[in-house]
Amino acid sequence: MILSALLTSVGINLGLCFLFFTLYSILRKQPGNAKVYAPRLVAEGKTREDSDFNLERLLPSTNWVRRAWQPSEEDLLSTSGLDAVVFMRIFTFSLKVFTFAGILGVFILLPFNYMGNQLSTDFSDLPNKSLESFSISNVDDGSNRLWIHFCAAYVFTAFVCYILYLEYDYISSRRIAYFYSSKPQPHQFTVLVRGIPISSGSSYSESVENFFREYYPSTYLSHYVVHQTSKLQRLIVSILCEA
């Protein structure tokens, strides 16, 4: 790889990142996009769509980046739920993997690759500005330095598996603690069954109970049979009015 080609690729990607950063900074301020970027606030009535023209909405800003990193996990858990915490943990996990891979590659693999002479033996006209001298292809054939790449691959794999285990254990414990601390929400564990076929020798209630006890014995708790849906609808309306 030629150094100029690498710098060109880096420049193009940085330009695209700046463009998308600017577009997001502008689009998130538009009132019509509130349902996209802040649906929870819209549902709770904490934001409203203001149609008045404001020049500030058309100017990009960076204040949201600082505010996005300020909340702790407890703040995210209380305001955005467990999914937001898991989403942020994915970012921190990726940063850990990238940091470890960067340290392993820059300070261990690249120096050993550069000390090789295989490319100068194979290609006498190799450009001086080529980055191939930092790759594994520059390690001499049969050199013991190839074991460094072999060991580095296993060390990196072991590190990733280890932090994956830590993240899984942490998120699982937070998930259990979140469910125990949250209010009971039976609608998340309720299944509506309709169109129950007639079974000879048993009622609808017995058919439902036999079915769930046979196929879902560990998750089945109880059931209710509703014959008059109008009465159920009145109960739902009354509960919603009280809430």
Protein backbone atom coordinates (compact mmCIF):
# COMPACT_ATOMS: atom_id res chain seq x y z
CA MET A 1 0.00 0.00 0.00
CA ILE A 2 1.28 3.46 -0.93
CA LEU A 3 1.30 6.07 1.84
CA SER A 4 -0.43 8.64 -0.35
CA ALA A 5 -3.26 6.19 -1.05
CA LEU A 6 -3.72 5.58 2.68
CA LEU A 7 -3.80 9.31 3.42
CA THR A 8 -6.34 9.82 0.63
CA SER A 9 -8.60 7.14 2.10
CA VAL A 10 -8.27 8.65 5.58
CA GLY A 11 -9.11 12.10 4.23
CA ILE A 12 -12.21 10.85 2.41
CA ASN A 13 -13.50 9.02 5.49
CA LEU A 14 -12.84 12.00 7.77
CA GLY A 15 -14.71 14.23 5.33
CA LEU A 16 -17.69 11.86 5.29
CA CYS A 17 -17.68 11.68 9.10
CA PHE A 18 -17.70 15.48 9.33
CA LEU A 19 -20.56 15.65 6.80
CA PHE A 20 -22.71 13.11 8.66
CA PHE A 21 -21.88 14.76 11.98
CA THR A 22 -23.07 18.10 10.61
CA LEU A 23 -26.25 16.64 9.11
CA TYR A 24 -27.17 14.88 12.34
CA SER A 25 -26.49 18.02 14.37
CA ILE A 26 -28.92 19.95 12.16
CA LEU A 27 -31.60 17.29 11.68
CA ARG A 28 -31.92 16.53 15.39
CA LYS A 29 -32.99 20.14 16.00
CA GLN A 30 -35.85 20.09 13.54
CA PRO A 31 -39.30 19.87 15.21
CA GLY A 32 -40.54 17.35 12.67
CA ASN A 33 -37.81 14.89 13.69
CA ALA A 34 -38.66 14.89 17.39
CA LYS A 35 -40.55 11.60 17.01
CA VAL A 36 -37.41 10.04 15.50
CA TYR A 37 -34.71 11.30 17.88
CA ALA A 38 -36.76 11.73 21.08
CA PRO A 39 -39.82 9.45 20.90
CA ARG A 40 -39.98 8.94 24.66
CA LEU A 41 -40.10 12.68 25.34
CA VAL A 42 -42.84 13.06 22.74
CA ALA A 43 -44.86 10.21 24.27
CA GLU A 44 -44.51 11.72 27.75
CA GLY A 45 -45.47 15.18 26.51
CA LYS A 46 -42.15 16.75 27.55
CA THR A 47 -41.48 18.21 24.11
CA ARG A 48 -43.64 19.90 21.54
CA GLU A 49 -43.36 20.69 17.86
CA ASP A 50 -42.62 24.40 17.45
CA SER A 51 -43.15 25.56 13.87
CA ASP A 52 -41.64 29.03 14.41
CA PHE A 53 -38.53 29.71 12.34
CA ASN A 54 -35.28 29.72 14.27
CA LEU A 55 -31.90 30.26 12.63
CA GLU A 56 -30.13 28.30 15.36
CA ARG A 57 -31.79 25.10 14.12
CA LEU A 58 -29.93 25.40 10.81
CA LEU A 59 -26.50 25.76 12.43
CA PRO A 60 -24.53 22.67 13.52
CA SER A 61 -23.37 22.46 17.12
CA THR A 62 -21.26 20.16 19.26
CA ASN A 63 -22.94 20.67 22.64
CA TRP A 64 -24.92 17.45 22.27
CA VAL A 65 -21.69 15.40 22.23
CA ARG A 66 -20.70 16.58 25.70
CA ARG A 67 -24.22 16.09 27.04
CA ALA A 68 -24.37 12.59 25.55
CA TRP A 69 -21.30 11.47 27.55
CA GLN A 70 -22.26 13.12 30.84
CA PRO A 71 -25.09 10.82 32.03
CA SER A 72 -24.07 7.85 34.13
CA GLU A 73 -25.48 4.36 33.67
CA GLU A 74 -27.95 4.99 36.46
CA ASP A 75 -29.20 8.11 34.68
CA LEU A 76 -29.58 6.20 31.41
CA LEU A 77 -31.35 3.38 33.21
CA SER A 78 -33.89 5.72 34.80
CA THR A 79 -34.53 7.88 31.73
CA SER A 80 -34.06 5.58 28.74
CA GLY A 81 -34.26 2.06 30.11
CA LEU A 82 -32.03 -0.99 30.01
CA ASP A 83 -31.70 -0.98 26.21
CA ALA A 84 -29.86 2.35 26.29
CA VAL A 85 -27.42 1.01 28.89
CA VAL A 86 -26.70 -2.08 26.77
CA PHE A 87 -26.26 0.11 23.68
CA MET A 88 -23.66 2.26 25.45
CA ARG A 89 -21.90 -0.83 26.80
CA ILE A 90 -21.49 -1.99 23.19
CA PHE A 91 -19.61 1.22 22.44
CA THR A 92 -17.32 0.83 25.45
CA PHE A 93 -16.73 -2.82 24.54
CA SER A 94 -15.74 -1.82 21.00
CA LEU A 95 -13.35 0.82 22.35
CA LYS A 96 -11.69 -1.75 24.61
CA VAL A 97 -11.21 -4.18 21.71
CA PHE A 98 -9.88 -1.46 19.40
CA THR A 99 -7.49 -0.13 22.06
CA PHE A 100 -6.05 -3.55 22.84
CA ALA A 101 -5.71 -4.41 19.14
CA GLY A 102 -4.01 -1.07 18.48
CA ILE A 103 -1.49 -1.53 21.28
CA LEU A 104 -0.78 -5.11 20.22
CA GLY A 105 -0.35 -4.18 16.58
CA VAL A 106 1.53 -0.88 16.83
CA PHE A 107 3.96 -1.70 19.63
CA ILE A 108 4.56 -5.43 19.00
CA LEU A 109 3.66 -6.62 15.50
CA LEU A 110 4.65 -3.60 13.39
CA PRO A 111 8.23 -3.31 14.77
CA PHE A 112 8.90 -7.01 14.21
CA ASN A 113 7.48 -6.80 10.68
CA TYR A 114 9.62 -3.77 9.85
CA MET A 115 12.80 -5.53 10.98
CA GLY A 116 12.30 -8.21 8.32
CA ASN A 117 13.96 -8.23 4.89
CA GLN A 118 11.70 -10.50 2.87
CA LEU A 119 10.25 -7.76 0.64
CA SER A 120 13.67 -6.39 -0.28
CA THR A 121 14.62 -9.92 -1.32
CA ASP A 122 11.47 -10.53 -3.37
CA PHE A 123 11.05 -7.02 -4.85
CA SER A 124 14.17 -5.01 -5.58
CA ASP A 125 12.16 -2.04 -6.94
CA LEU A 126 9.76 -1.73 -3.99
CA PRO A 127 8.88 1.98 -3.48
CA ASN A 128 10.38 3.59 -0.40
CA LYS A 129 7.01 5.08 0.56
CA SER A 130 5.28 1.71 0.56
CA LEU A 131 3.72 0.50 3.81
CA GLU A 132 4.20 -3.16 2.92
CA SER A 133 7.36 -3.22 5.03
CA PHE A 134 5.11 -3.03 8.11
CA SER A 135 3.04 -6.05 7.06
CA ILE A 136 3.58 -9.73 7.80
CA SER A 137 4.78 -10.23 4.22
CA ASN A 138 8.07 -8.56 5.20
CA VAL A 139 8.89 -11.24 7.79
CA ASP A 140 11.60 -13.57 6.48
CA ASP A 141 10.51 -17.00 5.29
CA GLY A 142 10.93 -19.58 8.04
CA SER A 143 11.68 -16.93 10.66
CA ASN A 144 10.72 -17.58 14.26
CA ARG A 145 9.11 -14.13 14.27
CA LEU A 146 6.10 -15.69 12.57
CA TRP A 147 5.29 -17.27 15.94
CA ILE A 148 4.74 -13.76 17.27
CA HIS A 149 1.79 -13.34 14.89
CA PHE A 150 0.52 -16.77 15.84
CA CYS A 151 0.67 -15.97 19.56
CA ALA A 152 -0.77 -12.48 19.04
CA ALA A 153 -3.84 -13.94 17.34
CA TYR A 154 -4.51 -16.26 20.30
CA VAL A 155 -3.82 -13.52 22.86
CA PHE A 156 -6.24 -11.18 21.09
CA THR A 157 -8.89 -13.90 20.86
CA ALA A 158 -8.50 -14.75 24.54
CA PHE A 159 -8.79 -11.07 25.49
CA VAL A 160 -11.96 -10.60 23.44
CA CYS A 161 -13.54 -13.75 24.89
CA TYR A 162 -12.64 -12.62 28.41
CA ILE A 163 -14.19 -9.16 28.12
CA LEU A 164 -17.20 -10.69 26.34
CA TYR A 165 -17.71 -12.89 29.38
CA LEU A 166 -17.37 -9.88 31.70
CA GLU A 167 -19.85 -7.84 29.66
CA TYR A 168 -22.33 -10.71 29.53
CA ASP A 169 -22.08 -11.24 33.27
CA TYR A 170 -22.45 -7.52 33.98
CA ILE A 171 -25.42 -6.98 31.64
CA SER A 172 -27.16 -10.12 32.95
CA SER A 173 -26.85 -8.90 36.54
CA ARG A 174 -28.10 -5.43 35.58
CA ARG A 175 -31.01 -6.97 33.70
CA ILE A 176 -32.08 -9.06 36.69
CA ALA A 177 -31.70 -6.10 39.05
CA TYR A 178 -33.68 -3.89 36.67
CA PHE A 179 -36.57 -6.35 36.50
CA TYR A 180 -36.65 -6.79 40.27
CA SER A 181 -36.64 -3.03 40.90
CA SER A 182 -39.21 -2.10 38.24
CA LYS A 183 -42.95 -2.09 38.78
CA PRO A 184 -44.87 -5.26 37.90
CA GLN A 185 -45.89 -5.21 34.26
CA PRO A 186 -48.06 -8.28 33.67
CA HIS A 187 -48.82 -7.24 30.10
CA GLN A 188 -45.24 -8.15 29.18
CA PHE A 189 -45.87 -11.75 30.24
CA THR A 190 -49.42 -12.15 28.93
CA VAL A 191 -50.52 -13.96 25.78
CA LEU A 192 -53.90 -13.42 24.12
CA VAL A 193 -55.34 -16.62 22.65
CA ARG A 194 -58.36 -16.50 20.34
CA GLY A 195 -60.16 -18.96 18.13
CA ILE A 196 -59.76 -21.91 20.50
CA PRO A 197 -60.97 -25.12 18.79
CA ILE A 198 -63.67 -27.17 20.44
CA SER A 199 -62.34 -30.29 22.15
CA SER A 200 -64.64 -33.18 22.95
CA GLY A 201 -64.85 -34.01 26.62
CA SER A 202 -63.27 -30.76 27.90
CA SER A 203 -64.21 -27.12 28.15
CA TYR A 204 -62.39 -24.16 26.64
CA SER A 205 -60.70 -23.45 29.96
CA GLU A 206 -59.47 -27.02 30.29
CA SER A 207 -58.22 -27.05 26.69
CA VAL A 208 -56.17 -23.91 27.24
CA GLU A 209 -54.73 -25.16 30.52
CA ASN A 210 -53.84 -28.57 29.10
CA PHE A 211 -52.15 -27.00 26.09
CA PHE A 212 -49.92 -24.61 28.04
CA ARG A 213 -49.09 -27.11 30.76
CA GLU A 214 -47.97 -29.60 28.12
CA TYR A 215 -45.89 -27.30 25.90
CA TYR A 216 -44.89 -24.46 28.29
CA PRO A 217 -44.85 -25.99 31.77
CA SER A 218 -42.05 -23.80 33.15
CA THR A 219 -43.53 -20.45 32.05
CA TYR A 220 -47.26 -21.02 32.46
CA LEU A 221 -48.92 -19.51 35.54
CA SER A 222 -52.65 -19.11 35.01
CA HIS A 223 -55.29 -18.13 32.49
CA TYR A 224 -58.64 -16.42 32.24
CA VAL A 225 -61.40 -17.14 29.77
CA VAL A 226 -63.42 -14.15 28.58
CA HIS A 227 -66.72 -14.90 26.86
CA GLN A 228 -68.15 -11.38 26.74
CA THR A 229 -65.61 -9.06 25.16
CA SER A 230 -67.81 -6.01 25.69
CA LYS A 231 -67.44 -6.37 29.46
CA LEU A 232 -63.69 -6.71 29.10
CA GLN A 233 -63.59 -3.59 26.96
CA ARG A 234 -65.44 -1.62 29.62
CA LEU A 235 -62.95 -2.78 32.25
CA ILE A 236 -60.01 -1.71 30.08
CA VAL A 237 -61.54 1.71 29.46
CA SER A 238 -62.19 2.23 33.17
CA ILE A 239 -58.60 1.27 34.04
CA LEU A 240 -57.21 3.66 31.43
CA CYS A 241 -59.39 6.47 32.73
CA GLU A 242 -58.16 5.91 36.29
CA ALA A 243 -54.54 5.91 35.13
